[in-house]
């Protein structure tokens, strides 16, 4: 069911910002692992490009990557094979080059407020 941004039943909680928490992989995993559904948003250096990805609980066929660079035609790319999701097995490219430099990235934990009354009681 589609939602309008004014009535989303989800809360996006910032759990990691590279410029504050560090760009190292250890810090990333310390803050990211075992957090449930998450969205990673990446700002590509010197390009204006914004890309990212979504993982429900782990890398699955429900995972996807996206590009918000073109505001009129954003790209959403589903996982082609959940067994190979980690190695970029997606239906469409979201960035045109093989290598790029990350200026900033953030990780948001997605909290479904429809069920939050049952959590942490």
PDB file of N, CA and C in Angstrom:
ATOM      1  N   UNK A   1       0.831  -1.165   0.000  1.00  0.00           N
ATOM      2  CA  UNK A   1       0.000   0.000   0.000  1.00  0.00           C
ATOM      3  C   UNK A   1       0.887   1.243   0.000  1.00  0.00           C
ATOM      4  N   UNK A   2       0.725   2.138  -0.969  1.00  0.00           N
ATOM      5  CA  UNK A   2       1.530   3.361  -1.006  1.00  0.00           C
ATOM      6  C   UNK A   2       1.121   4.332   0.107  1.00  0.00           C
ATOM      7  N   UNK A   3       2.094   5.069   0.593  1.00  0.00           N
ATOM      8  CA  UNK A   3       1.850   6.057   1.637  1.00  0.00           C
ATOM      9  C   UNK A   3       2.250   7.426   1.129  1.00  0.00           C
ATOM     10  N   UNK A   4       1.614   8.445   1.649  1.00  0.00           N
ATOM     11  CA  UNK A   4       2.030   9.823   1.397  1.00  0.00           C
ATOM     12  C   UNK A   4       3.048  10.172   2.474  1.00  0.00           C
ATOM     13  N   UNK A   5       4.016  11.024   2.155  1.00  0.00           N
ATOM     14  CA  UNK A   5       5.079  11.309   3.114  1.00  0.00           C
ATOM     15  C   UNK A   5       4.559  11.933   4.411  1.00  0.00           C
ATOM     16  N   UNK A   6       3.345  12.478   4.398  1.00  0.00           N
ATOM     17  CA  UNK A   6       2.799  13.091   5.616  1.00  0.00           C
ATOM     18  C   UNK A   6       2.192  12.076   6.578  1.00  0.00           C
ATOM     19  N   UNK A   7       1.956  10.844   6.121  1.00  0.00           N
ATOM     20  CA  UNK A   7       1.359   9.851   7.020  1.00  0.00           C
ATOM     21  C   UNK A   7       2.082   8.502   6.980  1.00  0.00           C
ATOM     22  N   UNK A   8       3.388   8.545   6.901  1.00  0.00           N
ATOM     23  CA  UNK A   8       4.167   7.303   6.915  1.00  0.00           C
ATOM     24  C   UNK A   8       4.068   6.631   8.283  1.00  0.00           C
ATOM     25  N   UNK A   9       3.842   5.329   8.316  1.00  0.00           N
ATOM     26  CA  UNK A   9       3.824   4.631   9.602  1.00  0.00           C
ATOM     27  C   UNK A   9       5.235   4.213  10.035  1.00  0.00           C
ATOM     28  N   UNK A  10       6.251   4.774   9.392  1.00  0.00           N
ATOM     29  CA  UNK A  10       7.633   4.410   9.677  1.00  0.00           C
ATOM     30  C   UNK A  10       8.386   5.611  10.220  1.00  0.00           C
ATOM     31  N   UNK A  11       9.323   5.332  11.115  1.00  0.00           N
ATOM     32  CA  UNK A  11      10.213   6.361  11.624  1.00  0.00           C
ATOM     33  C   UNK A  11      11.614   6.000  11.140  1.00  0.00           C
ATOM     34  N   UNK A  12      12.345   6.985  10.640  1.00  0.00           N
ATOM     35  CA  UNK A  12      13.710   6.777  10.169  1.00  0.00           C
ATOM     36  C   UNK A  12      14.655   7.373  11.205  1.00  0.00           C
ATOM     37  N   UNK A  13      15.352   6.516  11.940  1.00  0.00           N
ATOM     38  CA  UNK A  13      16.234   6.965  12.998  1.00  0.00           C
ATOM     39  C   UNK A  13      17.685   6.899  12.513  1.00  0.00           C
ATOM     40  N   UNK A  14      18.353   8.036  12.507  1.00  0.00           N
ATOM     41  CA  UNK A  14      19.757   8.083  12.105  1.00  0.00           C
ATOM     42  C   UNK A  14      20.588   7.326  13.135  1.00  0.00           C
ATOM     43  N   UNK A  15      21.275   6.275  12.677  1.00  0.00           N
ATOM     44  CA  UNK A  15      22.105   5.487  13.599  1.00  0.00           C
ATOM     45  C   UNK A  15      23.593   5.586  13.268  1.00  0.00           C
ATOM     46  N   UNK A  16      23.918   6.198  12.124  1.00  0.00           N
ATOM     47  CA  UNK A  16      25.327   6.289  11.736  1.00  0.00           C
ATOM     48  C   UNK A  16      25.511   7.393  10.710  1.00  0.00           C
ATOM     49  N   UNK A  17      26.467   8.273  10.946  1.00  0.00           N
ATOM     50  CA  UNK A  17      26.865   9.295   9.971  1.00  0.00           C
ATOM     51  C   UNK A  17      28.384   9.243   9.890  1.00  0.00           C
ATOM     52  N   UNK A  18      28.888   8.969   8.713  1.00  0.00           N
ATOM     53  CA  UNK A  18      30.331   8.746   8.544  1.00  0.00           C
ATOM     54  C   UNK A  18      31.162   9.936   9.009  1.00  0.00           C
ATOM     55  N   UNK A  19      30.727  11.157   8.722  1.00  0.00           N
ATOM     56  CA  UNK A  19      31.517  12.327   9.106  1.00  0.00           C
ATOM     57  C   UNK A  19      31.579  12.508  10.626  1.00  0.00           C
ATOM     58  N   UNK A  20      30.656  11.929  11.360  1.00  0.00           N
ATOM     59  CA  UNK A  20      30.667  12.003  12.830  1.00  0.00           C
ATOM     60  C   UNK A  20      31.209  10.732  13.472  1.00  0.00           C
ATOM     61  N   UNK A  21      30.799   9.584  12.933  1.00  0.00           N
ATOM     62  CA  UNK A  21      31.122   8.298  13.549  1.00  0.00           C
ATOM     63  C   UNK A  21      32.347   7.623  12.954  1.00  0.00           C
ATOM     64  N   UNK A  22      32.878   8.174  11.862  1.00  0.00           N
ATOM     65  CA  UNK A  22      34.066   7.625  11.227  1.00  0.00           C
ATOM     66  C   UNK A  22      33.750   6.834   9.974  1.00  0.00           C
ATOM     67  N   UNK A  23      34.678   6.871   9.027  1.00  0.00           N
ATOM     68  CA  UNK A  23      34.505   6.164   7.762  1.00  0.00           C
ATOM     69  C   UNK A  23      35.003   4.719   7.828  1.00  0.00           C
ATOM     70  N   UNK A  24      35.578   4.313   8.932  1.00  0.00           N
ATOM     71  CA  UNK A  24      36.128   2.963   9.058  1.00  0.00           C
ATOM     72  C   UNK A  24      35.055   1.889   9.067  1.00  0.00           C
ATOM     73  N   UNK A  25      35.393   0.738   8.521  1.00  0.00           N
ATOM     74  CA  UNK A  25      34.454  -0.374   8.401  1.00  0.00           C
ATOM     75  C   UNK A  25      34.057  -0.928   9.772  1.00  0.00           C
ATOM     76  N   UNK A  26      34.964  -0.874  10.748  1.00  0.00           N
ATOM     77  CA  UNK A  26      34.641  -1.379  12.083  1.00  0.00           C
ATOM     78  C   UNK A  26      33.529  -0.555  12.717  1.00  0.00           C
ATOM     79  N   UNK A  27      33.641   0.767  12.643  1.00  0.00           N
ATOM     80  CA  UNK A  27      32.599   1.642  13.194  1.00  0.00           C
ATOM     81  C   UNK A  27      31.278   1.440  12.478  1.00  0.00           C
ATOM     82  N   UNK A  28      31.352   1.261  11.165  1.00  0.00           N
ATOM     83  CA  UNK A  28      30.138   1.035  10.387  1.00  0.00           C
ATOM     84  C   UNK A  28      29.411  -0.207  10.896  1.00  0.00           C
ATOM     85  N   UNK A  29      30.119  -1.319  10.983  1.00  0.00           N
ATOM     86  CA  UNK A  29      29.484  -2.573  11.403  1.00  0.00           C
ATOM     87  C   UNK A  29      29.020  -2.523  12.861  1.00  0.00           C
ATOM     88  N   UNK A  30      29.753  -1.820  13.697  1.00  0.00           N
ATOM     89  CA  UNK A  30      29.352  -1.687  15.099  1.00  0.00           C
ATOM     90  C   UNK A  30      27.982  -1.003  15.212  1.00  0.00           C
ATOM     91  N   UNK A  31      27.739  -0.030  14.371  1.00  0.00           N
ATOM     92  CA  UNK A  31      26.484   0.723  14.414  1.00  0.00           C
ATOM     93  C   UNK A  31      25.397   0.143  13.522  1.00  0.00           C
ATOM     94  N   UNK A  32      25.766  -0.619  12.503  1.00  0.00           N
ATOM     95  CA  UNK A  32      24.826  -1.083  11.481  1.00  0.00           C
ATOM     96  C   UNK A  32      24.309  -2.495  11.720  1.00  0.00           C
ATOM     97  N   UNK A  33      25.186  -3.398  12.085  1.00  0.00           N
ATOM     98  CA  UNK A  33      24.820  -4.815  12.185  1.00  0.00           C
ATOM     99  C   UNK A  33      23.708  -5.047  13.211  1.00  0.00           C
ATOM    100  N   UNK A  34      22.807  -5.954  12.874  1.00  0.00           N
ATOM    101  CA  UNK A  34      21.720  -6.386  13.761  1.00  0.00           C
ATOM    102  C   UNK A  34      20.767  -5.263  14.161  1.00  0.00           C
ATOM    103  N   UNK A  35      20.544  -4.322  13.279  1.00  0.00           N
ATOM    104  CA  UNK A  35      19.636  -3.208  13.563  1.00  0.00           C
ATOM    105  C   UNK A  35      18.289  -3.362  12.876  1.00  0.00           C
ATOM    106  N   UNK A  36      18.065  -4.488  12.212  1.00  0.00           N
ATOM    107  CA  UNK A  36      16.796  -4.661  11.509  1.00  0.00           C
ATOM    108  C   UNK A  36      16.813  -3.929  10.178  1.00  0.00           C
ATOM    109  N   UNK A  37      15.652  -3.536   9.679  1.00  0.00           N
ATOM    110  CA  UNK A  37      15.593  -2.861   8.376  1.00  0.00           C
ATOM    111  C   UNK A  37      16.353  -1.533   8.401  1.00  0.00           C
ATOM    112  N   UNK A  38      17.167  -1.310   7.363  1.00  0.00           N
ATOM    113  CA  UNK A  38      17.953  -0.075   7.286  1.00  0.00           C
ATOM    114  C   UNK A  38      17.998   0.459   5.860  1.00  0.00           C
ATOM    115  N   UNK A  39      18.249   1.768   5.783  1.00  0.00           N
ATOM    116  CA  UNK A  39      18.508   2.440   4.511  1.00  0.00           C
ATOM    117  C   UNK A  39      19.849   3.146   4.642  1.00  0.00           C
ATOM    118  N   UNK A  40      20.711   2.970   3.646  1.00  0.00           N
ATOM    119  CA  UNK A  40      21.983   3.679   3.569  1.00  0.00           C
ATOM    120  C   UNK A  40      21.857   4.714   2.460  1.00  0.00           C
ATOM    121  N   UNK A  41      22.234   5.964   2.761  1.00  0.00           N
ATOM    122  CA  UNK A  41      22.193   7.047   1.776  1.00  0.00           C
ATOM    123  C   UNK A  41      23.613   7.573   1.615  1.00  0.00           C
ATOM    124  N   UNK A  42      24.081   7.652   0.354  1.00  0.00           N
ATOM    125  CA  UNK A  42      25.467   8.018   0.043  1.00  0.00           C
ATOM    126  C   UNK A  42      25.496   9.248  -0.846  1.00  0.00           C
ATOM    127  N   UNK A  43      26.331  10.217  -0.470  1.00  0.00           N
ATOM    128  CA  UNK A  43      26.592  11.383  -1.321  1.00  0.00           C
ATOM    129  C   UNK A  43      27.940  11.149  -1.995  1.00  0.00           C
ATOM    130  N   UNK A  44      27.934  11.110  -3.331  1.00  0.00           N
ATOM    131  CA  UNK A  44      29.149  10.854  -4.102  1.00  0.00           C
ATOM    132  C   UNK A  44      29.925  12.164  -4.258  1.00  0.00           C
ATOM    133  N   UNK A  45      31.210  12.123  -3.944  1.00  0.00           N
ATOM    134  CA  UNK A  45      32.055  13.325  -3.970  1.00  0.00           C
ATOM    135  C   UNK A  45      32.146  13.932  -5.374  1.00  0.00           C
ATOM    136  N   UNK A  46      32.055  15.253  -5.431  1.00  0.00           N
ATOM    137  CA  UNK A  46      32.227  16.052  -6.654  1.00  0.00           C
ATOM    138  C   UNK A  46      31.281  15.671  -7.786  1.00  0.00           C
ATOM    139  N   UNK A  47      30.072  15.225  -7.453  1.00  0.00           N
ATOM    140  CA  UNK A  47      29.176  14.821  -8.538  1.00  0.00           C
ATOM    141  C   UNK A  47      27.732  15.263  -8.341  1.00  0.00           C
ATOM    142  N   UNK A  48      27.314  15.510  -7.123  1.00  0.00           N
ATOM    143  CA  UNK A  48      25.914  15.805  -6.859  1.00  0.00           C
ATOM    144  C   UNK A  48      25.035  14.568  -6.848  1.00  0.00           C
ATOM    145  N   UNK A  49      25.632  13.390  -7.009  1.00  0.00           N
ATOM    146  CA  UNK A  49      24.857  12.150  -7.053  1.00  0.00           C
ATOM    147  C   UNK A  49      24.526  11.668  -5.637  1.00  0.00           C
ATOM    148  N   UNK A  50      23.300  11.171  -5.487  1.00  0.00           N
ATOM    149  CA  UNK A  50      22.842  10.556  -4.246  1.00  0.00           C
ATOM    150  C   UNK A  50      22.388   9.141  -4.588  1.00  0.00           C
ATOM    151  N   UNK A  51      23.021   8.163  -3.960  1.00  0.00           N
ATOM    152  CA  UNK A  51      22.660   6.761  -4.182  1.00  0.00           C
ATOM    153  C   UNK A  51      22.475   6.099  -2.821  1.00  0.00           C
ATOM    154  N   UNK A  52      21.950   4.892  -2.826  1.00  0.00           N
ATOM    155  CA  UNK A  52      21.784   4.207  -1.555  1.00  0.00           C
ATOM    156  C   UNK A  52      21.239   2.815  -1.726  1.00  0.00           C
ATOM    157  N   UNK A  53      20.861   2.236  -0.596  1.00  0.00           N
ATOM    158  CA  UNK A  53      20.322   0.889  -0.620  1.00  0.00           C
ATOM    159  C   UNK A  53      19.467   0.607   0.590  1.00  0.00           C
ATOM    160  N   UNK A  54      18.606  -0.378   0.445  1.00  0.00           N
ATOM    161  CA  UNK A  54      17.700  -0.807   1.511  1.00  0.00           C
ATOM    162  C   UNK A  54      17.895  -2.297   1.763  1.00  0.00           C
ATOM    163  N   UNK A  55      17.955  -2.668   3.027  1.00  0.00           N
ATOM    164  CA  UNK A  55      17.983  -4.075   3.430  1.00  0.00           C
ATOM    165  C   UNK A  55      16.954  -4.283   4.525  1.00  0.00           C
ATOM    166  N   UNK A  56      16.050  -5.258   4.348  1.00  0.00           N
ATOM    167  CA  UNK A  56      15.027  -5.490   5.364  1.00  0.00           C
ATOM    168  C   UNK A  56      15.627  -5.962   6.691  1.00  0.00           C
ATOM    169  N   UNK A  57      16.149  -7.142   6.759  1.00  0.00           N
ATOM    170  CA  UNK A  57      16.816  -7.652   7.960  1.00  0.00           C
ATOM    171  C   UNK A  57      18.203  -8.143   7.624  1.00  0.00           C
ATOM    172  N   UNK A  58      18.350  -8.615   6.432  1.00  0.00           N
ATOM    173  CA  UNK A  58      19.612  -9.097   5.889  1.00  0.00           C
ATOM    174  C   UNK A  58      19.501  -8.914   4.382  1.00  0.00           C
ATOM    175  N   UNK A  59      20.528  -9.253   3.666  1.00  0.00           N
ATOM    176  CA  UNK A  59      20.453  -9.122   2.205  1.00  0.00           C
ATOM    177  C   UNK A  59      19.540 -10.209   1.671  1.00  0.00           C
ATOM    178  N   UNK A  60      18.426  -9.809   1.095  1.00  0.00           N
ATOM    179  CA  UNK A  60      17.431 -10.751   0.591  1.00  0.00           C
ATOM    180  C   UNK A  60      16.917 -10.263  -0.755  1.00  0.00           C
ATOM    181  N   UNK A  61      15.972 -10.984  -1.298  1.00  0.00           N
ATOM    182  CA  UNK A  61      15.362 -10.565  -2.561  1.00  0.00           C
ATOM    183  C   UNK A  61      14.527  -9.298  -2.391  1.00  0.00           C
ATOM    184  N   UNK A  62      14.277  -8.886  -1.164  1.00  0.00           N
ATOM    185  CA  UNK A  62      13.559  -7.629  -0.928  1.00  0.00           C
ATOM    186  C   UNK A  62      14.514  -6.437  -0.853  1.00  0.00           C
ATOM    187  N   UNK A  63      15.807  -6.691  -0.857  1.00  0.00           N
ATOM    188  CA  UNK A  63      16.802  -5.618  -0.858  1.00  0.00           C
ATOM    189  C   UNK A  63      16.773  -4.895  -2.195  1.00  0.00           C
ATOM    190  N   UNK A  64      17.133  -3.615  -2.182  1.00  0.00           N
ATOM    191  CA  UNK A  64      17.257  -2.876  -3.434  1.00  0.00           C
ATOM    192  C   UNK A  64      18.248  -1.738  -3.267  1.00  0.00           C
ATOM    193  N   UNK A  65      18.728  -1.249  -4.398  1.00  0.00           N
ATOM    194  CA  UNK A  65      19.567  -0.055  -4.428  1.00  0.00           C
ATOM    195  C   UNK A  65      18.816   1.006  -5.206  1.00  0.00           C
ATOM    196  N   UNK A  66      19.233   2.262  -5.035  1.00  0.00           N
ATOM    197  CA  UNK A  66      18.513   3.344  -5.695  1.00  0.00           C
ATOM    198  C   UNK A  66      19.440   4.513  -5.987  1.00  0.00           C
ATOM    199  N   UNK A  67      18.987   5.372  -6.886  1.00  0.00           N
ATOM    200  CA  UNK A  67      19.649   6.634  -7.185  1.00  0.00           C
ATOM    201  C   UNK A  67      18.597   7.730  -7.165  1.00  0.00           C
ATOM    202  N   UNK A  68      18.893   8.807  -6.446  1.00  0.00           N
ATOM    203  CA  UNK A  68      18.009   9.969  -6.395  1.00  0.00           C
ATOM    204  C   UNK A  68      18.621  11.145  -7.150  1.00  0.00           C
ATOM    205  N   UNK A  69      19.625  10.866  -7.973  1.00  0.00           N
ATOM    206  CA  UNK A  69      20.331  11.919  -8.691  1.00  0.00           C
ATOM    207  C   UNK A  69      19.403  12.653  -9.643  1.00  0.00           C
ATOM    208  N   UNK A  70      18.635  11.917 -10.428  1.00  0.00           N
ATOM    209  CA  UNK A  70      17.657  12.519 -11.334  1.00  0.00           C
ATOM    210  C   UNK A  70      16.330  12.580 -10.583  1.00  0.00           C
ATOM    211  N   UNK A  71      15.948  13.785 -10.153  1.00  0.00           N
ATOM    212  CA  UNK A  71      14.750  13.931  -9.326  1.00  0.00           C
ATOM    213  C   UNK A  71      13.465  13.615 -10.077  1.00  0.00           C
ATOM    214  N   UNK A  72      13.490  13.726 -11.402  1.00  0.00           N
ATOM    215  CA  UNK A  72      12.305  13.426 -12.203  1.00  0.00           C
ATOM    216  C   UNK A  72      12.164  11.922 -12.415  1.00  0.00           C
ATOM    217  N   UNK A  73      13.300  11.243 -12.654  1.00  0.00           N
ATOM    218  CA  UNK A  73      13.290   9.804 -12.905  1.00  0.00           C
ATOM    219  C   UNK A  73      14.270   9.091 -11.977  1.00  0.00           C
ATOM    220  N   UNK A  74      13.925   8.939 -10.693  1.00  0.00           N
ATOM    221  CA  UNK A  74      14.821   8.194  -9.806  1.00  0.00           C
ATOM    222  C   UNK A  74      14.902   6.735 -10.246  1.00  0.00           C
ATOM    223  N   UNK A  75      15.996   6.090  -9.913  1.00  0.00           N
ATOM    224  CA  UNK A  75      16.205   4.688 -10.292  1.00  0.00           C
ATOM    225  C   UNK A  75      16.036   3.810  -9.057  1.00  0.00           C
ATOM    226  N   UNK A  76      15.283   2.741  -9.201  1.00  0.00           N
ATOM    227  CA  UNK A  76      15.151   1.712  -8.176  1.00  0.00           C
ATOM    228  C   UNK A  76      15.551   0.402  -8.829  1.00  0.00           C
ATOM    229  N   UNK A  77      16.469  -0.310  -8.222  1.00  0.00           N
ATOM    230  CA  UNK A  77      16.986  -1.539  -8.813  1.00  0.00           C
ATOM    231  C   UNK A  77      16.888  -2.682  -7.809  1.00  0.00           C
ATOM    232  N   UNK A  78      16.058  -3.661  -8.128  1.00  0.00           N
ATOM    233  CA  UNK A  78      15.852  -4.820  -7.262  1.00  0.00           C
ATOM    234  C   UNK A  78      17.032  -5.792  -7.365  1.00  0.00           C
ATOM    235  N   UNK A  79      17.207  -6.590  -6.351  1.00  0.00           N
ATOM    236  CA  UNK A  79      18.219  -7.643  -6.357  1.00  0.00           C
ATOM    237  C   UNK A  79      17.822  -8.693  -7.383  1.00  0.00           C
ATOM    238  N   UNK A  80      18.766  -9.090  -8.232  1.00  0.00           N
ATOM    239  CA  UNK A  80      18.501 -10.143  -9.216  1.00  0.00           C
ATOM    240  C   UNK A  80      18.599 -11.523  -8.588  1.00  0.00           C
ATOM    241  N   UNK A  81      19.545 -11.684  -7.677  1.00  0.00           N
ATOM    242  CA  UNK A  81      19.753 -12.971  -7.009  1.00  0.00           C
ATOM    243  C   UNK A  81      20.105 -12.697  -5.555  1.00  0.00           C
ATOM    244  N   UNK A  82      19.266 -13.128  -4.630  1.00  0.00           N
ATOM    245  CA  UNK A  82      19.537 -12.835  -3.217  1.00  0.00           C
ATOM    246  C   UNK A  82      20.829 -13.481  -2.737  1.00  0.00           C
ATOM    247  N   UNK A  83      21.240 -14.587  -3.349  1.00  0.00           N
ATOM    248  CA  UNK A  83      22.490 -15.233  -2.964  1.00  0.00           C
ATOM    249  C   UNK A  83      23.696 -14.366  -3.314  1.00  0.00           C
ATOM    250  N   UNK A  84      23.540 -13.492  -4.308  1.00  0.00           N
ATOM    251  CA  UNK A  84      24.658 -12.660  -4.740  1.00  0.00           C
ATOM    252  C   UNK A  84      24.400 -11.178  -4.504  1.00  0.00           C
ATOM    253  N   UNK A  85      23.487 -10.842  -3.608  1.00  0.00           N
ATOM    254  CA  UNK A  85      23.134  -9.438  -3.373  1.00  0.00           C
ATOM    255  C   UNK A  85      24.333  -8.609  -2.937  1.00  0.00           C
ATOM    256  N   UNK A  86      25.206  -9.198  -2.160  1.00  0.00           N
ATOM    257  CA  UNK A  86      26.355  -8.473  -1.643  1.00  0.00           C
ATOM    258  C   UNK A  86      27.327  -8.068  -2.752  1.00  0.00           C
ATOM    259  N   UNK A  87      27.337  -8.767  -3.873  1.00  0.00           N
ATOM    260  CA  UNK A  87      28.287  -8.440  -4.938  1.00  0.00           C
ATOM    261  C   UNK A  87      27.612  -7.725  -6.100  1.00  0.00           C
ATOM    262  N   UNK A  88      26.616  -6.956  -5.769  1.00  0.00           N
ATOM    263  CA  UNK A  88      25.988  -6.054  -6.751  1.00  0.00           C
ATOM    264  C   UNK A  88      25.281  -6.775  -7.884  1.00  0.00           C
ATOM    265  N   UNK A  89      24.531  -7.779  -7.598  1.00  0.00           N
ATOM    266  CA  UNK A  89      23.763  -8.478  -8.616  1.00  0.00           C
ATOM    267  C   UNK A  89      22.365  -7.868  -8.661  1.00  0.00           C
ATOM    268  N   UNK A  90      22.263  -6.717  -9.324  1.00  0.00           N
ATOM    269  CA  UNK A  90      21.022  -5.960  -9.396  1.00  0.00           C
ATOM    270  C   UNK A  90      20.577  -5.831 -10.840  1.00  0.00           C
ATOM    271  N   UNK A  91      19.297  -5.537 -11.033  1.00  0.00           N
ATOM    272  CA  UNK A  91      18.745  -5.465 -12.379  1.00  0.00           C
ATOM    273  C   UNK A  91      19.209  -4.243 -13.171  1.00  0.00           C
ATOM    274  N   UNK A  92      19.486  -3.102 -12.517  1.00  0.00           N
ATOM    275  CA  UNK A  92      19.910  -1.876 -13.199  1.00  0.00           C
ATOM    276  C   UNK A  92      21.051  -1.221 -12.436  1.00  0.00           C
ATOM    277  N   UNK A  93      21.902  -0.507 -13.168  1.00  0.00           N
ATOM    278  CA  UNK A  93      22.945   0.288 -12.528  1.00  0.00           C
ATOM    279  C   UNK A  93      22.319   1.555 -11.952  1.00  0.00           C
ATOM    280  N   UNK A  94      22.828   2.002 -10.810  1.00  0.00           N
ATOM    281  CA  UNK A  94      22.360   3.262 -10.243  1.00  0.00           C
ATOM    282  C   UNK A  94      23.421   4.358 -10.347  1.00  0.00           C
ATOM    283  N   UNK A  95      24.606   3.965 -10.791  1.00  0.00           N
ATOM    284  CA  UNK A  95      25.685   4.925 -11.009  1.00  0.00           C
ATOM    285  C   UNK A  95      26.459   4.443 -12.231  1.00  0.00           C
ATOM    286  N   UNK A  96      26.922   5.386 -13.036  1.00  0.00           N
ATOM    287  CA  UNK A  96      27.470   5.023 -14.345  1.00  0.00           C
ATOM    288  C   UNK A  96      28.929   4.583 -14.321  1.00  0.00           C
ATOM    289  N   UNK A  97      29.657   4.824 -13.246  1.00  0.00           N
ATOM    290  CA  UNK A  97      31.071   4.447 -13.232  1.00  0.00           C
ATOM    291  C   UNK A  97      31.337   3.309 -12.267  1.00  0.00           C
ATOM    292  N   UNK A  98      32.460   2.673 -12.468  1.00  0.00           N
ATOM    293  CA  UNK A  98      32.818   1.523 -11.636  1.00  0.00           C
ATOM    294  C   UNK A  98      33.352   1.947 -10.270  1.00  0.00           C
ATOM    295  N   UNK A  99      34.081   3.060 -10.214  1.00  0.00           N
ATOM    296  CA  UNK A  99      34.634   3.529  -8.945  1.00  0.00           C
ATOM    297  C   UNK A  99      34.187   4.962  -8.692  1.00  0.00           C
ATOM    298  N   UNK A 100      34.049   5.283  -7.427  1.00  0.00           N
ATOM    299  CA  UNK A 100      33.686   6.643  -7.037  1.00  0.00           C
ATOM    300  C   UNK A 100      34.131   6.855  -5.601  1.00  0.00           C
ATOM    301  N   UNK A 101      34.172   8.114  -5.198  1.00  0.00           N
ATOM    302  CA  UNK A 101      34.593   8.455  -3.849  1.00  0.00           C
ATOM    303  C   UNK A 101      33.380   8.935  -3.061  1.00  0.00           C
ATOM    304  N   UNK A 102      33.253   8.455  -1.851  1.00  0.00           N
ATOM    305  CA  UNK A 102      32.124   8.823  -0.993  1.00  0.00           C
ATOM    306  C   UNK A 102      32.482  10.076  -0.202  1.00  0.00           C
ATOM    307  N   UNK A 103      31.624  11.086  -0.314  1.00  0.00           N
ATOM    308  CA  UNK A 103      31.802  12.304   0.478  1.00  0.00           C
ATOM    309  C   UNK A 103      31.185  12.139   1.867  1.00  0.00           C
ATOM    310  N   UNK A 104      30.014  11.524   1.900  1.00  0.00           N
ATOM    311  CA  UNK A 104      29.288  11.324   3.158  1.00  0.00           C
ATOM    312  C   UNK A 104      28.332  10.160   2.993  1.00  0.00           C
ATOM    313  N   UNK A 105      28.077   9.450   4.062  1.00  0.00           N
ATOM    314  CA  UNK A 105      26.985   8.479   4.039  1.00  0.00           C
ATOM    315  C   UNK A 105      26.353   8.377   5.412  1.00  0.00           C
ATOM    316  N   UNK A 106      25.066   8.048   5.374  1.00  0.00           N
ATOM    317  CA  UNK A 106      24.279   7.924   6.592  1.00  0.00           C
ATOM    318  C   UNK A 106      23.495   6.620   6.550  1.00  0.00           C
ATOM    319  N   UNK A 107      23.268   6.060   7.719  1.00  0.00           N
ATOM    320  CA  UNK A 107      22.467   4.846   7.843  1.00  0.00           C
ATOM    321  C   UNK A 107      21.277   5.167   8.743  1.00  0.00           C
ATOM    322  N   UNK A 108      20.102   4.804   8.258  1.00  0.00           N
ATOM    323  CA  UNK A 108      18.875   5.019   9.015  1.00  0.00           C
ATOM    324  C   UNK A 108      18.240   3.673   9.344  1.00  0.00           C
ATOM    325  N   UNK A 109      17.914   3.478  10.603  1.00  0.00           N
ATOM    326  CA  UNK A 109      17.142   2.310  11.019  1.00  0.00           C
ATOM    327  C   UNK A 109      15.674   2.643  10.783  1.00  0.00           C
ATOM    328  N   UNK A 110      14.947   1.703  10.191  1.00  0.00           N
ATOM    329  CA  UNK A 110      13.533   1.922   9.897  1.00  0.00           C
ATOM    330  C   UNK A 110      12.706   1.249  10.983  1.00  0.00           C
ATOM    331  N   UNK A 111      11.911   2.046  11.657  1.00  0.00           N
ATOM    332  CA  UNK A 111      11.071   1.543  12.738  1.00  0.00           C
ATOM    333  C   UNK A 111       9.620   1.629  12.287  1.00  0.00           C
ATOM    334  N   UNK A 112       8.961   0.493  12.271  1.00  0.00           N
ATOM    335  CA  UNK A 112       7.552   0.430  11.874  1.00  0.00           C
ATOM    336  C   UNK A 112       6.716   0.789  13.096  1.00  0.00           C
ATOM    337  N   UNK A 113       6.183   1.995  13.106  1.00  0.00           N
ATOM    338  CA  UNK A 113       5.446   2.481  14.271  1.00  0.00           C
ATOM    339  C   UNK A 113       4.123   1.757  14.486  1.00  0.00           C
ATOM    340  N   UNK A 114       3.664   1.016  13.494  1.00  0.00           N
ATOM    341  CA  UNK A 114       2.435   0.242  13.681  1.00  0.00           C
ATOM    342  C   UNK A 114       2.639  -0.860  14.710  1.00  0.00           C
ATOM    343  N   UNK A 115       3.901  -1.283  14.891  1.00  0.00           N
ATOM    344  CA  UNK A 115       4.195  -2.369  15.821  1.00  0.00           C
ATOM    345  C   UNK A 115       5.026  -1.918  17.014  1.00  0.00           C
ATOM    346  N   UNK A 116       5.356  -0.636  17.103  1.00  0.00           N
ATOM    347  CA  UNK A 116       6.247  -0.161  18.160  1.00  0.00           C
ATOM    348  C   UNK A 116       5.653  -0.331  19.556  1.00  0.00           C
ATOM    349  N   UNK A 117       4.334  -0.414  19.666  1.00  0.00           N
ATOM    350  CA  UNK A 117       3.722  -0.604  20.981  1.00  0.00           C
ATOM    351  C   UNK A 117       4.088  -1.955  21.590  1.00  0.00           C
ATOM    352  N   UNK A 118       4.513  -2.916  20.745  1.00  0.00           N
ATOM    353  CA  UNK A 118       4.844  -4.256  21.222  1.00  0.00           C
ATOM    354  C   UNK A 118       6.330  -4.436  21.505  1.00  0.00           C
ATOM    355  N   UNK A 119       7.116  -3.420  21.183  1.00  0.00           N
ATOM    356  CA  UNK A 119       8.570  -3.512  21.318  1.00  0.00           C
ATOM    357  C   UNK A 119       9.019  -2.686  22.521  1.00  0.00           C
ATOM    358  N   UNK A 120      10.029  -3.170  23.221  1.00  0.00           N
ATOM    359  CA  UNK A 120      10.638  -2.463  24.356  1.00  0.00           C
ATOM    360  C   UNK A 120       9.632  -2.111  25.449  1.00  0.00           C
ATOM    361  N   UNK A 121       8.830  -3.055  25.835  1.00  0.00           N
ATOM    362  CA  UNK A 121       7.871  -2.801  26.927  1.00  0.00           C
ATOM    363  C   UNK A 121       8.482  -3.169  28.236  1.00  0.00           C
TER     364      UNK A 121
END
